[in-house]
Structures are given as C-alpha cells and as structure tokens.
C-alpha atoms as a PDB file:
ATOM      1  CA  MET A   1     -74.769 235.544 -91.281  1.00  0.00           C
ATOM      2  CA  ALA A   2     -77.702 237.270 -89.384  1.00  0.00           C
ATOM      3  CA  GLU A   3     -76.751 237.930 -85.517  1.00  0.00           C
ATOM      4  CA  ARG A   4     -78.919 236.004 -83.057  1.00  0.00           C
ATOM      5  CA  ASN A   5     -81.127 237.803 -80.779  1.00  0.00           C
ATOM      6  CA  ARG A   6     -79.900 237.379 -77.169  1.00  0.00           C
ATOM      7  CA  THR A   7     -81.831 237.772 -74.496  1.00  0.00           C
ATOM      8  CA  VAL A   8     -80.185 238.158 -70.953  1.00  0.00           C
ATOM      9  CA  LEU A   9     -82.674 238.338 -68.095  1.00  0.00           C
ATOM     10  CA  VAL A  10     -82.181 239.711 -64.482  1.00  0.00           C
ATOM     11  CA  GLY A  11     -83.901 238.437 -62.101  1.00  0.00           C
ATOM     12  CA  ARG A  12     -84.780 239.283 -58.144  1.00  0.00           C
ATOM     13  CA  ASP A  13     -81.794 241.617 -56.681  1.00  0.00           C
ATOM     14  CA  GLY A  14     -80.009 242.089 -59.916  1.00  0.00           C
ATOM     15  CA  GLU A  15     -79.508 238.082 -60.461  1.00  0.00           C
ATOM     16  CA  ASP A  16     -78.472 236.493 -63.561  1.00  0.00           C
ATOM     17  CA  HIS A  17     -80.494 234.154 -65.493  1.00  0.00           C
ATOM     18  CA  LEU A  18     -78.751 231.129 -66.894  1.00  0.00           C
ATOM     19  CA  ASP A  19     -79.621 228.790 -69.754  1.00  0.00           C
ATOM     20  CA  LEU A  20     -79.254 225.411 -68.770  1.00  0.00           C
ATOM     21  CA  THR A  21     -76.054 224.816 -70.415  1.00  0.00           C
ATOM     22  CA  GLN A  22     -74.407 227.603 -68.409  1.00  0.00           C
ATOM     23  CA  ALA A  23     -76.212 226.308 -65.064  1.00  0.00           C
ATOM     24  CA  VAL A  24     -74.376 223.077 -65.713  1.00  0.00           C
ATOM     25  CA  VAL A  25     -71.217 224.972 -65.896  1.00  0.00           C
ATOM     26  CA  TYR A  26     -72.125 227.050 -62.818  1.00  0.00           C
ATOM     27  CA  THR A  27     -72.930 224.642 -60.275  1.00  0.00           C
ATOM     28  CA  GLY A  28     -71.191 221.220 -61.855  1.00  0.00           C
ATOM     29  CA  VAL A  29     -74.602 219.486 -61.546  1.00  0.00           C
ATOM     30  CA  SER A  30     -75.844 217.566 -64.534  1.00  0.00           C
ATOM     31  CA  ARG A  31     -78.435 218.526 -67.073  1.00  0.00           C
ATOM     32  CA  VAL A  32     -80.547 215.776 -66.552  1.00  0.00           C
ATOM     33  CA  THR A  33     -80.668 216.811 -62.716  1.00  0.00           C
ATOM     34  CA  LEU A  34     -81.321 220.462 -63.537  1.00  0.00           C
ATOM     35  CA  MET A  35     -84.641 219.261 -65.661  1.00  0.00           C
ATOM     36  CA  ARG A  36     -85.567 216.770 -62.802  1.00  0.00           C
ATOM     37  CA  ARG A  37     -85.384 219.998 -60.052  1.00  0.00           C
ATOM     38  CA  ILE A  38     -87.405 221.962 -62.574  1.00  0.00           C
ATOM     39  CA  ALA A  39     -89.993 219.408 -63.103  1.00  0.00           C
ATOM     40  CA  ASP A  40     -90.437 218.648 -59.479  1.00  0.00           C
ATOM     41  CA  GLY A  41     -90.580 222.130 -58.827  1.00  0.00           C
ATOM     42  CA  ARG A  42     -87.488 222.651 -56.610  1.00  0.00           C
ATOM     43  CA  LEU A  43     -85.709 224.795 -59.181  1.00  0.00           C
ATOM     44  CA  PRO A  44     -87.987 227.550 -60.438  1.00  0.00           C
ATOM     45  CA  SER A  45     -87.319 228.344 -64.368  1.00  0.00           C
ATOM     46  CA  GLN A  46     -88.768 230.337 -67.228  1.00  0.00           C
ATOM     47  CA  ILE A  47     -89.182 229.641 -70.467  1.00  0.00           C
ATOM     48  CA  VAL A  48     -87.456 232.084 -73.073  1.00  0.00           C
ATOM     49  CA  ASN A  49     -87.027 231.427 -76.780  1.00  0.00           C
ATOM     50  CA  GLY A  50     -88.090 227.770 -76.010  1.00  0.00           C
ATOM     51  CA  LYS A  51     -85.304 227.369 -73.168  1.00  0.00           C
ATOM     52  CA  HIS A  52     -85.266 226.872 -69.677  1.00  0.00           C
ATOM     53  CA  ARG A  53     -83.699 229.925 -67.764  1.00  0.00           C
ATOM     54  CA  VAL A  54     -82.815 229.502 -64.295  1.00  0.00           C
ATOM     55  CA  SER A  55     -81.520 232.497 -61.655  1.00  0.00           C
ATOM     56  CA  SER A  56     -78.260 231.790 -60.381  1.00  0.00           C
ATOM     57  CA  GLY A  57     -79.700 232.620 -56.850  1.00  0.00           C
ATOM     58  CA  ASP A  58     -82.090 229.910 -56.965  1.00  0.00           C
ATOM     59  CA  LEU A  59     -78.944 227.464 -58.204  1.00  0.00           C
ATOM     60  CA  ASP A  60     -77.268 228.424 -55.187  1.00  0.00           C
ATOM     61  CA  ALA A  61     -79.989 228.247 -53.030  1.00  0.00           C
ATOM     62  CA  LEU A  62     -80.553 224.636 -53.930  1.00  0.00           C
ATOM     63  CA  PHE A  63     -77.326 223.085 -54.769  1.00  0.00           C
ATOM     64  CA  GLY A  64     -74.916 225.666 -52.733  1.00  0.00           C
ATOM     65  CA  PRO A  65     -72.206 227.310 -54.466  1.00  0.00           C
ATOM     66  CA  ALA A  66     -70.242 224.725 -57.084  1.00  0.00           C
ATOM     67  CA  PRO A  67     -66.976 223.819 -55.024  1.00  0.00           C
ATOM     68  CA  VAL A  68     -63.885 224.443 -57.086  1.00  0.00           C
ATOM     69  CA  LEU A  69     -61.461 223.561 -54.207  1.00  0.00           C
ATOM     70  CA  ALA A  70     -61.006 219.724 -55.543  1.00  0.00           C
ATOM     71  CA  GLY A  71     -59.318 221.068 -58.601  1.00  0.00           C
ATOM     72  CA  ALA A  72     -57.386 223.972 -56.897  1.00  0.00           C
ATOM     73  CA  ARG A  73     -54.013 223.279 -57.911  1.00  0.00           C
ATOM     74  CA  THR A  74     -55.445 224.160 -61.480  1.00  0.00           C
ATOM     75  CA  ALA A  75     -57.946 226.577 -60.634  1.00  0.00           C
ATOM     76  CA  ASP A  76     -56.963 230.298 -61.514  1.00  0.00           C
ATOM     77  CA  ASP A  77     -57.075 232.936 -59.039  1.00  0.00           C
ATOM     78  CA  SER A  78     -60.143 234.883 -60.217  1.00  0.00           C
ATOM     79  CA  THR A  79     -62.331 231.291 -60.423  1.00  0.00           C
ATOM     80  CA  LEU A  80     -61.100 230.845 -56.635  1.00  0.00           C
ATOM     81  CA  ARG A  81     -62.028 234.203 -55.700  1.00  0.00           C
ATOM     82  CA  LEU A  82     -65.139 234.195 -57.448  1.00  0.00           C
ATOM     83  CA  TRP A  83     -66.228 230.815 -55.481  1.00  0.00           C
ATOM     84  CA  ALA A  84     -65.074 232.095 -52.430  1.00  0.00           C
ATOM     85  CA  LYS A  85     -67.514 235.172 -53.210  1.00  0.00           C
ATOM     86  CA  ARG A  86     -70.153 233.128 -53.572  1.00  0.00           C
ATOM     87  CA  VAL A  87     -69.919 230.736 -50.671  1.00  0.00           C
ATOM     88  CA  ALA A  88     -69.318 233.970 -48.508  1.00  0.00           C
ATOM     89  CA  GLU A  89     -72.692 235.688 -50.107  1.00  0.00           C
ATOM     90  CA  ALA A  90     -74.670 232.456 -49.254  1.00  0.00           C
ATOM     91  CA  ALA A  91     -73.377 232.160 -45.575  1.00  0.00           C
ATOM     92  CA  PRO A  92     -75.536 233.311 -42.652  1.00  0.00           C
ATOM     93  CA  PRO A  93     -73.639 236.062 -40.661  1.00  0.00           C
ATOM     94  CA  LEU A  94     -71.374 234.536 -38.230  1.00  0.00           C
ATOM     95  CA  ARG A  95     -70.756 235.587 -34.483  1.00  0.00           C
ATOM     96  CA  PRO A  96     -67.209 236.761 -33.580  1.00  0.00           C
ATOM     97  CA  GLU A  97     -66.478 233.204 -31.908  1.00  0.00           C
ATOM     98  CA  GLN A  98     -67.721 231.224 -34.870  1.00  0.00           C
ATOM     99  CA  ARG A  99     -65.544 233.487 -37.404  1.00  0.00           C
ATOM    100  CA  ASP A 100     -62.637 232.787 -34.985  1.00  0.00           C
ATOM    101  CA  VAL A 101     -63.216 228.984 -35.315  1.00  0.00           C
ATOM    102  CA  VAL A 102     -63.857 229.138 -39.029  1.00  0.00           C
ATOM    103  CA  LEU A 103     -60.491 231.262 -39.416  1.00  0.00           C
ATOM    104  CA  SER A 104     -58.855 228.752 -37.404  1.00  0.00           C
ATOM    105  CA  ALA A 105     -59.908 225.638 -39.592  1.00  0.00           C
ATOM    106  CA  PHE A 106     -58.774 227.169 -42.876  1.00  0.00           C
ATOM    107  CA  ALA A 107     -55.474 228.515 -41.247  1.00  0.00           C
ATOM    108  CA  ASP A 108     -54.778 225.035 -40.151  1.00  0.00           C
ATOM    109  CA  ALA A 109     -55.713 223.545 -43.685  1.00  0.00           C
ATOM    110  CA  LEU A 110     -53.738 226.109 -45.679  1.00  0.00           C
ATOM    111  CA  ILE A 111     -50.614 225.280 -43.348  1.00  0.00           C
ATOM    112  CA  THR A 112     -51.290 221.582 -44.278  1.00  0.00           C
ATOM    113  CA  ILE A 113     -51.462 222.372 -47.944  1.00  0.00           C
ATOM    114  CA  GLY A 114     -48.499 224.510 -47.711  1.00  0.00           C
ATOM    115  CA  GLY A 115     -46.164 221.796 -45.993  1.00  0.00           C
ATOM    116  CA  GLU A 116     -46.929 219.118 -48.248  1.00  0.00           C
END
C-alpha cells in the first residue's frame, strides 16, 4: 500500500495548521460550527489537497482554548498542562495585584475541590 503524502503546514509564528477533524478535537466545537465560521470569514482557512486547514492560533483567538476542566477528574496531567499553557499564552499580561486576585481565586477553588 502506498504511503500517503502528509502535508504539515506551519503558519504565523510557528503555529500548527490543523485539518477540520483535528480542529474539532482541539476546540471541542462541532465541524458544522467550524465550517460556518470559515464561510462567514471569522475563521481563516487554507485549502490543501481539497481539505480546509486552520491555524491553532486562529482557533484559540476565535473560540478560546478548549476547556478541559469539566472532565478534570478523568483528564491526564499532560492534557491539563497543555490546556493551562494555552490559556496562559492567550491571556493578557497581569499587574501584580491582578495576579494576586487570580491566584487567590484558584487557591480557594483548589481547597474546595480537595475538601470534597
């Protein structure tokens, strides 16, 4: 069986380009929603070998990093770390007092979760 030619695209600033099946997994958004956003121009795409490809950065900008915390009890550490990294990269810089508020909120939430 012949090996398929796999195209790997790298976009602005080294962002990965995903096909729509990968984008559905990446964002948790339906394929129909992705196609609607491409059609209305809110999600830029390229067509490669007849398939739409979208950048992970454009997906994050439009939909935000996909939440994994709803399934946090079953998510593995690497999934949670990847999600946290994507959220942190997408977040604006915080002033020290804002940072303290965020840390305090998470500390309270973690104490609540741990004390169930």
